[in-house]
Amino acid sequence: MASLTPVIMDYIKRPDTNKVMSTVNEDGCAHSIVLGSVLVPDQETIAIGRVWVKTTGKNLNRDPRAEFLFFSGKTAYSVVCDLVESSSEGPMIEQINQYLSRMRMSTASVWLFKVKAVFDEGISENTGSQII
């Protein structure tokens, strides 16, 4: 597993950072969704609430691989992960539901992903380079 840097963790948590998650469809093509709530409970973990994720859920049940794209302005990071757990209790559910309540939504479970690699996908000479 890999560890996110504090700078990348803070970037992911920012409300103005765009958040997209991709999984692998049965035919091998990417399936991407926009995320509204993302938690970073530690340097090795990304957590998301399960809200309106029917195709994504089917994909992850079959193949645990996921890739997150976090971007704003000229800065972007691609974070490659594996789904390791689905949790239906604990403080992360409460934290995500607090955020989701502003949109009149809620979740009953959270997916936990372990970070495998991070790539710089921003606009710079390092674009496409693995940084973690």
N, C-alpha and C. Protein backbone atom coordinates (compact mmCIF):
# COMPACT_ATOMS: atom_id res chain seq x y z
N MET A 1 0.83 -1.19 0.00
CA MET A 1 0.00 0.00 0.00
C MET A 1 0.87 1.25 0.00
N ALA A 2 0.27 2.36 -0.37
CA ALA A 2 0.97 3.64 -0.43
C ALA A 2 0.34 4.61 0.57
N SER A 3 1.05 5.67 0.87
CA SER A 3 0.56 6.67 1.82
C SER A 3 0.44 8.03 1.15
N LEU A 4 -0.72 8.67 1.30
CA LEU A 4 -0.92 10.01 0.80
C LEU A 4 -0.10 10.99 1.62
N THR A 5 0.39 12.03 0.99
CA THR A 5 1.09 13.07 1.73
C THR A 5 0.06 13.98 2.40
N PRO A 6 0.44 14.71 3.44
CA PRO A 6 -0.49 15.67 4.05
C PRO A 6 -1.02 16.69 3.05
N VAL A 7 -0.19 17.13 2.10
CA VAL A 7 -0.62 18.11 1.09
C VAL A 7 -1.75 17.52 0.24
N ILE A 8 -1.59 16.27 -0.20
CA ILE A 8 -2.62 15.63 -1.03
C ILE A 8 -3.88 15.37 -0.20
N MET A 9 -3.72 14.94 1.05
CA MET A 9 -4.89 14.73 1.91
C MET A 9 -5.70 16.01 2.05
N ASP A 10 -5.02 17.13 2.31
CA ASP A 10 -5.71 18.41 2.45
C ASP A 10 -6.40 18.80 1.15
N TYR A 11 -5.75 18.55 0.03
CA TYR A 11 -6.31 18.88 -1.28
C TYR A 11 -7.61 18.11 -1.53
N ILE A 12 -7.61 16.82 -1.20
CA ILE A 12 -8.81 15.99 -1.38
C ILE A 12 -9.96 16.50 -0.52
N LYS A 13 -9.66 16.96 0.67
CA LYS A 13 -10.69 17.40 1.61
C LYS A 13 -11.30 18.76 1.26
N ARG A 14 -10.63 19.54 0.44
CA ARG A 14 -11.12 20.88 0.11
C ARG A 14 -12.46 20.81 -0.62
N PRO A 15 -13.42 21.66 -0.24
CA PRO A 15 -14.73 21.62 -0.90
C PRO A 15 -14.69 22.04 -2.37
N ASP A 16 -13.68 22.82 -2.78
CA ASP A 16 -13.61 23.26 -4.18
C ASP A 16 -12.85 22.28 -5.08
N THR A 17 -12.37 21.17 -4.51
CA THR A 17 -11.72 20.14 -5.31
C THR A 17 -12.79 19.24 -5.91
N ASN A 18 -12.74 19.06 -7.23
CA ASN A 18 -13.66 18.16 -7.93
C ASN A 18 -13.22 16.73 -7.67
N LYS A 19 -14.20 15.82 -7.54
CA LYS A 19 -13.92 14.44 -7.15
C LYS A 19 -14.67 13.49 -8.09
N VAL A 20 -13.91 12.62 -8.77
CA VAL A 20 -14.49 11.64 -9.69
C VAL A 20 -13.91 10.28 -9.34
N MET A 21 -14.76 9.25 -9.42
CA MET A 21 -14.33 7.88 -9.15
C MET A 21 -14.65 7.02 -10.36
N SER A 22 -13.70 6.19 -10.77
CA SER A 22 -13.91 5.27 -11.88
C SER A 22 -13.72 3.84 -11.43
N THR A 23 -14.58 2.96 -11.96
CA THR A 23 -14.47 1.53 -11.74
C THR A 23 -14.45 0.86 -13.11
N VAL A 24 -14.32 -0.47 -13.11
CA VAL A 24 -14.22 -1.22 -14.37
C VAL A 24 -15.52 -1.97 -14.63
N ASN A 25 -16.17 -1.65 -15.77
CA ASN A 25 -17.36 -2.38 -16.19
C ASN A 25 -17.01 -3.81 -16.62
N GLU A 26 -18.03 -4.65 -16.75
CA GLU A 26 -17.82 -6.03 -17.19
C GLU A 26 -17.09 -6.13 -18.52
N ASP A 27 -17.32 -5.16 -19.41
CA ASP A 27 -16.67 -5.20 -20.72
C ASP A 27 -15.27 -4.60 -20.71
N GLY A 28 -14.79 -4.19 -19.53
CA GLY A 28 -13.44 -3.66 -19.40
C GLY A 28 -13.36 -2.15 -19.55
N CYS A 29 -14.45 -1.50 -19.91
CA CYS A 29 -14.46 -0.04 -20.05
C CYS A 29 -14.62 0.62 -18.68
N ALA A 30 -14.18 1.87 -18.61
CA ALA A 30 -14.31 2.62 -17.37
C ALA A 30 -15.74 3.10 -17.16
N HIS A 31 -16.16 3.12 -15.91
CA HIS A 31 -17.44 3.71 -15.50
C HIS A 31 -17.09 4.76 -14.45
N SER A 32 -17.43 6.02 -14.71
CA SER A 32 -17.05 7.12 -13.82
C SER A 32 -18.27 7.80 -13.23
N ILE A 33 -18.11 8.24 -11.97
CA ILE A 33 -19.16 8.98 -11.28
C ILE A 33 -18.55 10.19 -10.57
N VAL A 34 -19.35 11.22 -10.41
CA VAL A 34 -18.95 12.39 -9.63
C VAL A 34 -19.27 12.10 -8.18
N LEU A 35 -18.35 12.44 -7.30
CA LEU A 35 -18.53 12.20 -5.86
C LEU A 35 -18.83 13.51 -5.15
N GLY A 36 -19.74 13.44 -4.20
CA GLY A 36 -20.05 14.61 -3.39
C GLY A 36 -19.36 14.58 -2.04
N SER A 37 -19.13 13.39 -1.52
CA SER A 37 -18.54 13.29 -0.19
C SER A 37 -17.40 12.28 -0.21
N VAL A 38 -16.24 12.74 0.22
CA VAL A 38 -15.05 11.90 0.31
C VAL A 38 -14.38 12.19 1.65
N LEU A 39 -14.07 11.13 2.38
CA LEU A 39 -13.31 11.27 3.62
C LEU A 39 -11.93 10.66 3.43
N VAL A 40 -10.97 11.21 4.15
CA VAL A 40 -9.61 10.67 4.16
C VAL A 40 -9.27 10.42 5.63
N PRO A 41 -9.69 9.26 6.17
CA PRO A 41 -9.50 9.01 7.60
C PRO A 41 -8.04 8.83 8.02
N ASP A 42 -7.19 8.42 7.08
CA ASP A 42 -5.76 8.32 7.36
C ASP A 42 -5.01 8.36 6.03
N GLN A 43 -3.69 8.31 6.07
CA GLN A 43 -2.86 8.48 4.87
C GLN A 43 -3.00 7.33 3.87
N GLU A 44 -3.57 6.22 4.27
CA GLU A 44 -3.67 5.06 3.38
C GLU A 44 -5.10 4.75 2.96
N THR A 45 -6.07 5.56 3.40
CA THR A 45 -7.48 5.21 3.20
C THR A 45 -8.29 6.37 2.63
N ILE A 46 -9.15 6.04 1.67
CA ILE A 46 -10.16 6.95 1.16
C ILE A 46 -11.51 6.30 1.42
N ALA A 47 -12.47 7.08 1.89
CA ALA A 47 -13.80 6.55 2.21
C ALA A 47 -14.86 7.37 1.48
N ILE A 48 -15.87 6.68 0.95
CA ILE A 48 -16.99 7.37 0.31
C ILE A 48 -18.30 6.75 0.79
N GLY A 49 -19.34 7.56 0.85
CA GLY A 49 -20.66 7.07 1.19
C GLY A 49 -21.31 6.44 -0.04
N ARG A 50 -22.07 5.38 0.19
CA ARG A 50 -22.76 4.70 -0.91
C ARG A 50 -24.12 5.36 -1.15
N VAL A 51 -24.15 6.26 -2.12
CA VAL A 51 -25.37 6.97 -2.48
C VAL A 51 -25.51 6.91 -4.00
N TRP A 52 -26.58 6.33 -4.49
CA TRP A 52 -26.84 6.25 -5.93
C TRP A 52 -25.66 5.65 -6.70
N VAL A 53 -25.20 4.52 -6.28
CA VAL A 53 -24.02 3.91 -6.92
C VAL A 53 -24.33 2.47 -7.38
N LYS A 54 -25.39 2.32 -8.15
CA LYS A 54 -25.82 0.98 -8.56
C LYS A 54 -24.78 0.30 -9.45
N THR A 55 -24.41 0.92 -10.57
CA THR A 55 -23.43 0.32 -11.47
C THR A 55 -22.07 0.22 -10.79
N THR A 56 -21.69 1.27 -10.08
CA THR A 56 -20.41 1.26 -9.36
C THR A 56 -20.36 0.11 -8.36
N GLY A 57 -21.46 -0.11 -7.64
CA GLY A 57 -21.53 -1.21 -6.68
C GLY A 57 -21.37 -2.57 -7.35
N LYS A 58 -22.04 -2.76 -8.47
CA LYS A 58 -21.90 -4.02 -9.21
C LYS A 58 -20.46 -4.22 -9.67
N ASN A 59 -19.87 -3.14 -10.17
CA ASN A 59 -18.48 -3.24 -10.63
C ASN A 59 -17.53 -3.60 -9.49
N LEU A 60 -17.70 -2.95 -8.33
CA LEU A 60 -16.80 -3.22 -7.20
C LEU A 60 -17.02 -4.60 -6.60
N ASN A 61 -18.24 -5.12 -6.68
CA ASN A 61 -18.47 -6.49 -6.21
C ASN A 61 -17.71 -7.51 -7.06
N ARG A 62 -17.54 -7.18 -8.32
CA ARG A 62 -16.85 -8.07 -9.25
C ARG A 62 -15.34 -7.82 -9.29
N ASP A 63 -14.94 -6.54 -9.16
CA ASP A 63 -13.54 -6.13 -9.30
C ASP A 63 -13.28 -4.98 -8.33
N PRO A 64 -12.43 -5.16 -7.32
CA PRO A 64 -12.27 -4.15 -6.27
C PRO A 64 -11.45 -2.92 -6.67
N ARG A 65 -10.97 -2.88 -7.90
CA ARG A 65 -10.12 -1.75 -8.31
C ARG A 65 -10.95 -0.49 -8.57
N ALA A 66 -10.40 0.65 -8.14
CA ALA A 66 -11.02 1.95 -8.39
C ALA A 66 -9.91 2.98 -8.58
N GLU A 67 -10.26 4.03 -9.31
CA GLU A 67 -9.34 5.14 -9.48
C GLU A 67 -10.11 6.42 -9.21
N PHE A 68 -9.53 7.27 -8.39
CA PHE A 68 -10.12 8.56 -8.05
C PHE A 68 -9.34 9.65 -8.76
N LEU A 69 -10.05 10.63 -9.29
CA LEU A 69 -9.41 11.81 -9.87
C LEU A 69 -9.87 13.01 -9.06
N PHE A 70 -8.91 13.72 -8.49
CA PHE A 70 -9.17 14.92 -7.70
C PHE A 70 -8.53 16.08 -8.44
N PHE A 71 -9.33 17.12 -8.79
CA PHE A 71 -8.76 18.20 -9.59
C PHE A 71 -9.43 19.53 -9.30
N SER A 72 -8.63 20.58 -9.46
CA SER A 72 -9.10 21.96 -9.33
C SER A 72 -8.02 22.83 -9.97
N GLY A 73 -8.42 23.66 -10.92
CA GLY A 73 -7.43 24.51 -11.59
C GLY A 73 -6.39 23.66 -12.29
N LYS A 74 -5.12 24.00 -12.10
CA LYS A 74 -4.03 23.29 -12.77
C LYS A 74 -3.51 22.09 -11.99
N THR A 75 -4.08 21.84 -10.80
CA THR A 75 -3.62 20.74 -9.95
C THR A 75 -4.58 19.57 -10.06
N ALA A 76 -4.01 18.37 -10.25
CA ALA A 76 -4.84 17.16 -10.32
C ALA A 76 -4.02 15.96 -9.87
N TYR A 77 -4.69 15.06 -9.16
CA TYR A 77 -4.07 13.81 -8.71
C TYR A 77 -4.99 12.65 -9.06
N SER A 78 -4.40 11.59 -9.57
CA SER A 78 -5.11 10.34 -9.79
C SER A 78 -4.65 9.39 -8.69
N VAL A 79 -5.60 8.82 -7.95
CA VAL A 79 -5.27 7.93 -6.83
C VAL A 79 -5.86 6.55 -7.14
N VAL A 80 -4.99 5.57 -7.30
CA VAL A 80 -5.38 4.20 -7.61
C VAL A 80 -5.56 3.45 -6.30
N CYS A 81 -6.71 2.78 -6.15
CA CYS A 81 -7.05 2.12 -4.88
C CYS A 81 -7.68 0.75 -5.11
N ASP A 82 -7.81 0.01 -4.03
CA ASP A 82 -8.59 -1.21 -3.98
C ASP A 82 -9.63 -1.08 -2.88
N LEU A 83 -10.87 -1.50 -3.18
CA LEU A 83 -11.90 -1.57 -2.15
C LEU A 83 -11.51 -2.67 -1.17
N VAL A 84 -11.50 -2.35 0.13
CA VAL A 84 -11.12 -3.36 1.12
C VAL A 84 -12.23 -3.65 2.13
N GLU A 85 -13.22 -2.74 2.23
CA GLU A 85 -14.25 -2.95 3.24
C GLU A 85 -15.48 -2.09 2.96
N SER A 86 -16.63 -2.61 3.35
CA SER A 86 -17.86 -1.83 3.37
C SER A 86 -18.34 -1.83 4.82
N SER A 87 -18.58 -0.64 5.36
CA SER A 87 -18.94 -0.52 6.76
C SER A 87 -20.31 0.16 6.88
N SER A 88 -21.14 -0.37 7.79
CA SER A 88 -22.46 0.22 7.98
C SER A 88 -22.64 0.85 9.36
N GLU A 89 -21.54 1.05 10.06
CA GLU A 89 -21.62 1.71 11.37
C GLU A 89 -20.32 2.44 11.67
N GLY A 90 -20.40 3.37 12.61
CA GLY A 90 -19.21 4.06 13.05
C GLY A 90 -19.23 5.55 12.72
N PRO A 91 -18.18 6.24 13.14
CA PRO A 91 -18.13 7.70 13.00
C PRO A 91 -18.08 8.19 11.55
N MET A 92 -17.54 7.39 10.64
CA MET A 92 -17.48 7.84 9.25
C MET A 92 -18.87 7.97 8.64
N ILE A 93 -19.78 7.05 9.01
CA ILE A 93 -21.17 7.14 8.52
C ILE A 93 -21.78 8.46 9.00
N GLU A 94 -21.59 8.76 10.27
CA GLU A 94 -22.14 10.00 10.83
C GLU A 94 -21.54 11.23 10.14
N GLN A 95 -20.24 11.20 9.90
CA GLN A 95 -19.55 12.32 9.27
C GLN A 95 -20.07 12.54 7.85
N ILE A 96 -20.18 11.49 7.07
CA ILE A 96 -20.67 11.62 5.70
C ILE A 96 -22.13 12.05 5.70
N ASN A 97 -22.93 11.50 6.61
CA ASN A 97 -24.35 11.87 6.65
C ASN A 97 -24.55 13.33 7.05
N GLN A 98 -23.67 13.87 7.86
CA GLN A 98 -23.74 15.30 8.19
C GLN A 98 -23.59 16.12 6.92
N TYR A 99 -22.62 15.76 6.10
CA TYR A 99 -22.39 16.46 4.85
C TYR A 99 -23.58 16.26 3.89
N LEU A 100 -24.02 15.01 3.75
CA LEU A 100 -25.09 14.69 2.81
C LEU A 100 -26.43 15.31 3.21
N SER A 101 -26.64 15.55 4.50
CA SER A 101 -27.92 16.11 4.96
C SER A 101 -28.19 17.47 4.34
N ARG A 102 -27.15 18.21 3.98
CA ARG A 102 -27.31 19.51 3.33
C ARG A 102 -27.97 19.36 1.96
N MET A 103 -27.84 18.17 1.37
CA MET A 103 -28.43 17.89 0.05
C MET A 103 -29.67 17.00 0.17
N ARG A 104 -30.14 16.84 1.42
CA ARG A 104 -31.30 15.99 1.72
C ARG A 104 -31.07 14.54 1.28
N MET A 105 -29.88 14.06 1.54
CA MET A 105 -29.52 12.67 1.23
C MET A 105 -28.88 12.05 2.47
N SER A 106 -28.75 10.74 2.44
CA SER A 106 -28.04 10.03 3.51
C SER A 106 -27.53 8.71 2.96
N THR A 107 -26.68 8.06 3.74
CA THR A 107 -26.15 6.76 3.35
C THR A 107 -26.23 5.81 4.53
N ALA A 108 -26.32 4.54 4.24
CA ALA A 108 -26.35 3.53 5.29
C ALA A 108 -25.02 2.79 5.37
N SER A 109 -24.13 3.03 4.40
CA SER A 109 -22.83 2.36 4.45
C SER A 109 -21.76 3.20 3.76
N VAL A 110 -20.53 2.87 4.09
CA VAL A 110 -19.36 3.56 3.57
C VAL A 110 -18.42 2.52 2.98
N TRP A 111 -17.84 2.85 1.83
CA TRP A 111 -16.80 2.01 1.24
C TRP A 111 -15.44 2.55 1.66
N LEU A 112 -14.55 1.64 2.04
CA LEU A 112 -13.19 2.01 2.40
C LEU A 112 -12.23 1.46 1.35
N PHE A 113 -11.38 2.33 0.84
CA PHE A 113 -10.41 1.97 -0.19
C PHE A 113 -9.00 2.18 0.34
N LYS A 114 -8.10 1.28 0.00
CA LYS A 114 -6.68 1.43 0.36
C LYS A 114 -5.92 1.96 -0.85
N VAL A 115 -5.11 2.96 -0.62
CA VAL A 115 -4.34 3.61 -1.67
C VAL A 115 -3.20 2.71 -2.12
N LYS A 116 -3.07 2.55 -3.45
CA LYS A 116 -1.99 1.75 -4.03
C LYS A 116 -0.95 2.62 -4.72
N ALA A 117 -1.37 3.73 -5.34
CA ALA A 117 -0.45 4.60 -6.06
C ALA A 117 -1.12 5.95 -6.30
N VAL A 118 -0.28 6.98 -6.48
CA VAL A 118 -0.77 8.32 -6.79
C VAL A 118 0.02 8.86 -7.98
N PHE A 119 -0.70 9.46 -8.93
CA PHE A 119 -0.08 10.05 -10.12
C PHE A 119 -0.39 11.54 -10.18
N ASP A 120 0.58 12.32 -10.63
CA ASP A 120 0.37 13.75 -10.87
C ASP A 120 -0.31 13.87 -12.22
N GLU A 121 -1.53 14.39 -12.24
CA GLU A 121 -2.26 14.58 -13.50
C GLU A 121 -2.55 16.05 -13.75
N GLY A 122 -1.83 16.92 -13.03
CA GLY A 122 -2.01 18.35 -13.21
C GLY A 122 -1.27 18.86 -14.44
N ILE A 123 -1.33 20.16 -14.63
CA ILE A 123 -0.67 20.78 -15.77
C ILE A 123 0.74 21.19 -15.35
N SER A 124 1.70 20.33 -15.66
CA SER A 124 3.10 20.59 -15.33
C SER A 124 3.98 19.60 -16.09
N GLU A 125 5.28 19.75 -15.94
CA GLU A 125 6.20 18.82 -16.59
C GLU A 125 6.13 17.42 -15.98
N ASN A 126 5.47 17.26 -14.83
CA ASN A 126 5.35 15.95 -14.17
C ASN A 126 4.08 15.21 -14.53
N THR A 127 3.24 15.76 -15.42
CA THR A 127 1.97 15.14 -15.77
C THR A 127 2.15 13.67 -16.15
N GLY A 128 1.36 12.81 -15.53
CA GLY A 128 1.42 11.38 -15.81
C GLY A 128 2.44 10.61 -14.99
N SER A 129 3.22 11.31 -14.18
CA SER A 129 4.26 10.66 -13.39
C SER A 129 3.69 10.11 -12.09
N GLN A 130 4.12 8.90 -11.75
CA GLN A 130 3.75 8.35 -10.45
C GLN A 130 4.55 9.07 -9.39
N ILE A 131 3.86 9.62 -8.39
CA ILE A 131 4.55 10.37 -7.34
C ILE A 131 4.54 9.64 -6.00
N ILE A 132 3.67 8.66 -5.87
CA ILE A 132 3.63 7.83 -4.65
C ILE A 132 3.37 6.42 -5.07
